[in-house]
PDB file of N, CA and C in Angstrom:
ATOM      1  N   UNK A   1      41.780 -28.496   9.813  1.00  0.00           N
ATOM      2  CA  UNK A   1      41.115 -27.473   9.044  1.00  0.00           C
ATOM      3  C   UNK A   1      39.978 -27.967   8.127  1.00  0.00           C
ATOM      4  N   UNK A   2      40.040 -29.113   7.557  1.00  0.00           N
ATOM      5  CA  UNK A   2      38.904 -29.597   6.726  1.00  0.00           C
ATOM      6  C   UNK A   2      37.719 -29.795   7.661  1.00  0.00           C
ATOM      7  N   UNK A   3      37.864 -30.168   8.898  1.00  0.00           N
ATOM      8  CA  UNK A   3      36.813 -30.412   9.818  1.00  0.00           C
ATOM      9  C   UNK A   3      36.017 -29.046  10.043  1.00  0.00           C
ATOM     10  N   UNK A   4      36.746 -27.951  10.145  1.00  0.00           N
ATOM     11  CA  UNK A   4      36.093 -26.740  10.324  1.00  0.00           C
ATOM     12  C   UNK A   4      35.316 -26.255   9.120  1.00  0.00           C
ATOM     13  N   UNK A   5      35.853 -26.512   7.909  1.00  0.00           N
ATOM     14  CA  UNK A   5      35.178 -26.160   6.722  1.00  0.00           C
ATOM     15  C   UNK A   5      33.882 -26.953   6.575  1.00  0.00           C
ATOM     16  N   UNK A   6      33.968 -28.247   6.982  1.00  0.00           N
ATOM     17  CA  UNK A   6      32.759 -29.060   6.863  1.00  0.00           C
ATOM     18  C   UNK A   6      31.656 -28.574   7.862  1.00  0.00           C
ATOM     19  N   UNK A   7      32.054 -28.154   9.012  1.00  0.00           N
ATOM     20  CA  UNK A   7      31.095 -27.571  10.044  1.00  0.00           C
ATOM     21  C   UNK A   7      30.452 -26.341   9.532  1.00  0.00           C
ATOM     22  N   UNK A   8      31.317 -25.456   8.906  1.00  0.00           N
ATOM     23  CA  UNK A   8      30.727 -24.169   8.419  1.00  0.00           C
ATOM     24  C   UNK A   8      29.804 -24.427   7.186  1.00  0.00           C
ATOM     25  N   UNK A   9      30.188 -25.370   6.339  1.00  0.00           N
ATOM     26  CA  UNK A   9      29.246 -25.764   5.272  1.00  0.00           C
ATOM     27  C   UNK A   9      27.940 -26.269   5.781  1.00  0.00           C
ATOM     28  N   UNK A  10      27.960 -27.101   6.769  1.00  0.00           N
ATOM     29  CA  UNK A  10      26.706 -27.692   7.314  1.00  0.00           C
ATOM     30  C   UNK A  10      25.917 -26.607   8.006  1.00  0.00           C
ATOM     31  N   UNK A  11      26.522 -25.702   8.661  1.00  0.00           N
ATOM     32  CA  UNK A  11      25.805 -24.581   9.398  1.00  0.00           C
ATOM     33  C   UNK A  11      25.178 -23.646   8.315  1.00  0.00           C
ATOM     34  N   UNK A  12      25.859 -23.461   7.233  1.00  0.00           N
ATOM     35  CA  UNK A  12      25.338 -22.482   6.262  1.00  0.00           C
ATOM     36  C   UNK A  12      24.054 -23.034   5.516  1.00  0.00           C
ATOM     37  N   UNK A  13      23.872 -24.370   5.460  1.00  0.00           N
ATOM     38  CA  UNK A  13      22.756 -24.958   4.786  1.00  0.00           C
ATOM     39  C   UNK A  13      21.517 -24.764   5.594  1.00  0.00           C
ATOM     40  N   UNK A  14      21.615 -24.795   6.868  1.00  0.00           N
ATOM     41  CA  UNK A  14      20.425 -24.773   7.753  1.00  0.00           C
ATOM     42  C   UNK A  14      20.440 -23.414   8.504  1.00  0.00           C
ATOM     43  N   UNK A  15      19.645 -22.494   7.961  1.00  0.00           N
ATOM     44  CA  UNK A  15      19.606 -21.118   8.523  1.00  0.00           C
ATOM     45  C   UNK A  15      18.596 -20.867   9.562  1.00  0.00           C
ATOM     46  N   UNK A  16      17.771 -21.882   9.815  1.00  0.00           N
ATOM     47  CA  UNK A  16      16.758 -21.679  10.860  1.00  0.00           C
ATOM     48  C   UNK A  16      15.392 -21.221  10.320  1.00  0.00           C
ATOM     49  N   UNK A  17      14.539 -20.703  11.109  1.00  0.00           N
ATOM     50  CA  UNK A  17      13.193 -20.373  10.706  1.00  0.00           C
ATOM     51  C   UNK A  17      13.062 -18.866  10.243  1.00  0.00           C
ATOM     52  N   UNK A  18      14.103 -18.359   9.629  1.00  0.00           N
ATOM     53  CA  UNK A  18      14.029 -16.957   9.263  1.00  0.00           C
ATOM     54  C   UNK A  18      12.978 -16.514   8.306  1.00  0.00           C
ATOM     55  N   UNK A  19      12.834 -17.288   7.259  1.00  0.00           N
ATOM     56  CA  UNK A  19      11.819 -16.968   6.264  1.00  0.00           C
ATOM     57  C   UNK A  19      10.417 -17.209   6.805  1.00  0.00           C
ATOM     58  N   UNK A  20      10.267 -18.235   7.541  1.00  0.00           N
ATOM     59  CA  UNK A  20       8.863 -18.520   8.104  1.00  0.00           C
ATOM     60  C   UNK A  20       8.521 -17.375   9.070  1.00  0.00           C
ATOM     61  N   UNK A  21       9.451 -16.956   9.881  1.00  0.00           N
ATOM     62  CA  UNK A  21       9.080 -15.866  10.835  1.00  0.00           C
ATOM     63  C   UNK A  21       8.796 -14.573  10.052  1.00  0.00           C
ATOM     64  N   UNK A  22       9.518 -14.366   9.033  1.00  0.00           N
ATOM     65  CA  UNK A  22       9.217 -13.171   8.213  1.00  0.00           C
ATOM     66  C   UNK A  22       7.776 -13.188   7.669  1.00  0.00           C
ATOM     67  N   UNK A  23       7.408 -14.370   7.059  1.00  0.00           N
ATOM     68  CA  UNK A  23       6.067 -14.462   6.574  1.00  0.00           C
ATOM     69  C   UNK A  23       5.007 -14.342   7.552  1.00  0.00           C
ATOM     70  N   UNK A  24       5.266 -14.960   8.780  1.00  0.00           N
ATOM     71  CA  UNK A  24       4.264 -14.926   9.916  1.00  0.00           C
ATOM     72  C   UNK A  24       4.129 -13.510  10.339  1.00  0.00           C
ATOM     73  N   UNK A  25       5.239 -12.750  10.406  1.00  0.00           N
ATOM     74  CA  UNK A  25       5.211 -11.353  10.910  1.00  0.00           C
ATOM     75  C   UNK A  25       4.457 -10.474   9.859  1.00  0.00           C
ATOM     76  N   UNK A  26       4.737 -10.695   8.672  1.00  0.00           N
ATOM     77  CA  UNK A  26       4.063  -9.877   7.572  1.00  0.00           C
ATOM     78  C   UNK A  26       2.555 -10.136   7.526  1.00  0.00           C
ATOM     79  N   UNK A  27       2.193 -11.442   7.573  1.00  0.00           N
ATOM     80  CA  UNK A  27       0.754 -11.759   7.596  1.00  0.00           C
ATOM     81  C   UNK A  27       0.089 -11.216   8.818  1.00  0.00           C
ATOM     82  N   UNK A  28       0.676 -11.248   9.912  1.00  0.00           N
ATOM     83  CA  UNK A  28       0.065 -10.742  11.208  1.00  0.00           C
ATOM     84  C   UNK A  28      -0.098  -9.180  11.172  1.00  0.00           C
ATOM     85  N   UNK A  29       0.921  -8.551  10.547  1.00  0.00           N
ATOM     86  CA  UNK A  29       0.834  -7.027  10.458  1.00  0.00           C
ATOM     87  C   UNK A  29      -0.351  -6.694   9.510  1.00  0.00           C
ATOM     88  N   UNK A  30      -0.404  -7.381   8.365  1.00  0.00           N
ATOM     89  CA  UNK A  30      -1.474  -7.120   7.419  1.00  0.00           C
ATOM     90  C   UNK A  30      -2.834  -7.475   7.985  1.00  0.00           C
ATOM     91  N   UNK A  31      -2.892  -8.545   8.686  1.00  0.00           N
ATOM     92  CA  UNK A  31      -4.125  -8.955   9.296  1.00  0.00           C
ATOM     93  C   UNK A  31      -4.611  -8.007  10.367  1.00  0.00           C
ATOM     94  N   UNK A  32      -3.657  -7.518  11.161  1.00  0.00           N
ATOM     95  CA  UNK A  32      -3.991  -6.536  12.192  1.00  0.00           C
ATOM     96  C   UNK A  32      -4.519  -5.248  11.577  1.00  0.00           C
ATOM     97  N   UNK A  33      -3.904  -4.757  10.443  1.00  0.00           N
ATOM     98  CA  UNK A  33      -4.312  -3.652   9.740  1.00  0.00           C
ATOM     99  C   UNK A  33      -5.708  -3.840   9.205  1.00  0.00           C
ATOM    100  N   UNK A  34      -5.976  -4.898   8.556  1.00  0.00           N
ATOM    101  CA  UNK A  34      -7.299  -5.195   8.005  1.00  0.00           C
ATOM    102  C   UNK A  34      -8.365  -5.379   9.036  1.00  0.00           C
ATOM    103  N   UNK A  35      -8.017  -5.981  10.212  1.00  0.00           N
ATOM    104  CA  UNK A  35      -8.971  -6.080  11.268  1.00  0.00           C
ATOM    105  C   UNK A  35      -9.333  -4.694  11.821  1.00  0.00           C
ATOM    106  N   UNK A  36      -8.313  -3.847  12.035  1.00  0.00           N
ATOM    107  CA  UNK A  36      -8.585  -2.446  12.563  1.00  0.00           C
ATOM    108  C   UNK A  36      -9.363  -1.660  11.608  1.00  0.00           C
ATOM    109  N   UNK A  37      -9.159  -1.778  10.286  1.00  0.00           N
ATOM    110  CA  UNK A  37      -9.859  -1.045   9.334  1.00  0.00           C
ATOM    111  C   UNK A  37     -11.295  -1.541   9.303  1.00  0.00           C
ATOM    112  N   UNK A  38     -11.520  -2.855   9.396  1.00  0.00           N
ATOM    113  CA  UNK A  38     -12.864  -3.427   9.366  1.00  0.00           C
ATOM    114  C   UNK A  38     -13.637  -3.049  10.574  1.00  0.00           C
ATOM    115  N   UNK A  39     -13.035  -2.996  11.723  1.00  0.00           N
ATOM    116  CA  UNK A  39     -13.744  -2.647  12.972  1.00  0.00           C
ATOM    117  C   UNK A  39     -13.984  -1.156  12.994  1.00  0.00           C
ATOM    118  N   UNK A  40     -12.978  -0.322  12.607  1.00  0.00           N
ATOM    119  CA  UNK A  40     -13.201   1.132  12.682  1.00  0.00           C
ATOM    120  C   UNK A  40     -14.152   1.671  11.692  1.00  0.00           C
ATOM    121  N   UNK A  41     -14.313   1.055  10.538  1.00  0.00           N
ATOM    122  CA  UNK A  41     -15.205   1.569   9.534  1.00  0.00           C
ATOM    123  C   UNK A  41     -16.674   1.492  10.045  1.00  0.00           C
ATOM    124  N   UNK A  42     -16.941   0.600  11.024  1.00  0.00           N
ATOM    125  CA  UNK A  42     -18.270   0.440  11.524  1.00  0.00           C
ATOM    126  C   UNK A  42     -18.623   1.629  12.445  1.00  0.00           C
ATOM    127  N   UNK A  43     -17.585   2.424  12.869  1.00  0.00           N
ATOM    128  CA  UNK A  43     -17.905   3.499  13.817  1.00  0.00           C
ATOM    129  C   UNK A  43     -17.853   4.846  13.037  1.00  0.00           C
ATOM    130  N   UNK A  44     -17.860   4.776  11.689  1.00  0.00           N
ATOM    131  CA  UNK A  44     -17.926   5.970  10.914  1.00  0.00           C
ATOM    132  C   UNK A  44     -19.218   6.647  11.039  1.00  0.00           C
ATOM    133  N   UNK A  45     -19.273   7.948  11.162  1.00  0.00           N
ATOM    134  CA  UNK A  45     -20.569   8.648  11.290  1.00  0.00           C
ATOM    135  C   UNK A  45     -20.846   9.474  10.035  1.00  0.00           C
ATOM    136  N   UNK A  46     -21.528   8.833   9.142  1.00  0.00           N
ATOM    137  CA  UNK A  46     -21.761   9.509   7.831  1.00  0.00           C
ATOM    138  C   UNK A  46     -23.323   9.654   7.508  1.00  0.00           C
ATOM    139  N   UNK A  47     -24.070   9.503   8.578  1.00  0.00           N
ATOM    140  CA  UNK A  47     -25.539   9.657   8.421  1.00  0.00           C
ATOM    141  C   UNK A  47     -26.168   8.766   7.416  1.00  0.00           C
ATOM    142  N   UNK A  48     -25.543   7.685   7.017  1.00  0.00           N
ATOM    143  CA  UNK A  48     -26.126   6.743   6.073  1.00  0.00           C
ATOM    144  C   UNK A  48     -26.416   5.402   6.776  1.00  0.00           C
ATOM    145  N   UNK A  49     -26.252   5.255   7.979  1.00  0.00           N
ATOM    146  CA  UNK A  49     -26.405   3.972   8.768  1.00  0.00           C
ATOM    147  C   UNK A  49     -27.617   4.034   9.696  1.00  0.00           C
ATOM    148  N   UNK A  50     -28.867   4.369   9.166  1.00  0.00           N
ATOM    149  CA  UNK A  50     -29.988   4.447  10.061  1.00  0.00           C
ATOM    150  C   UNK A  50     -30.483   3.087  10.375  1.00  0.00           C
TER     151      UNK A  50
END
């Protein structure tokens, strides 16, 4: 039984790349939104871009 507790304790310390993947996903979503906004605002038709 102590061996199982040691394995569970070791596994709980290393959770994997969860936080890194969350940050990458968040940055990519924000980046995609900003890129879309930047590109689409150039196609606005407001008669001021002669």
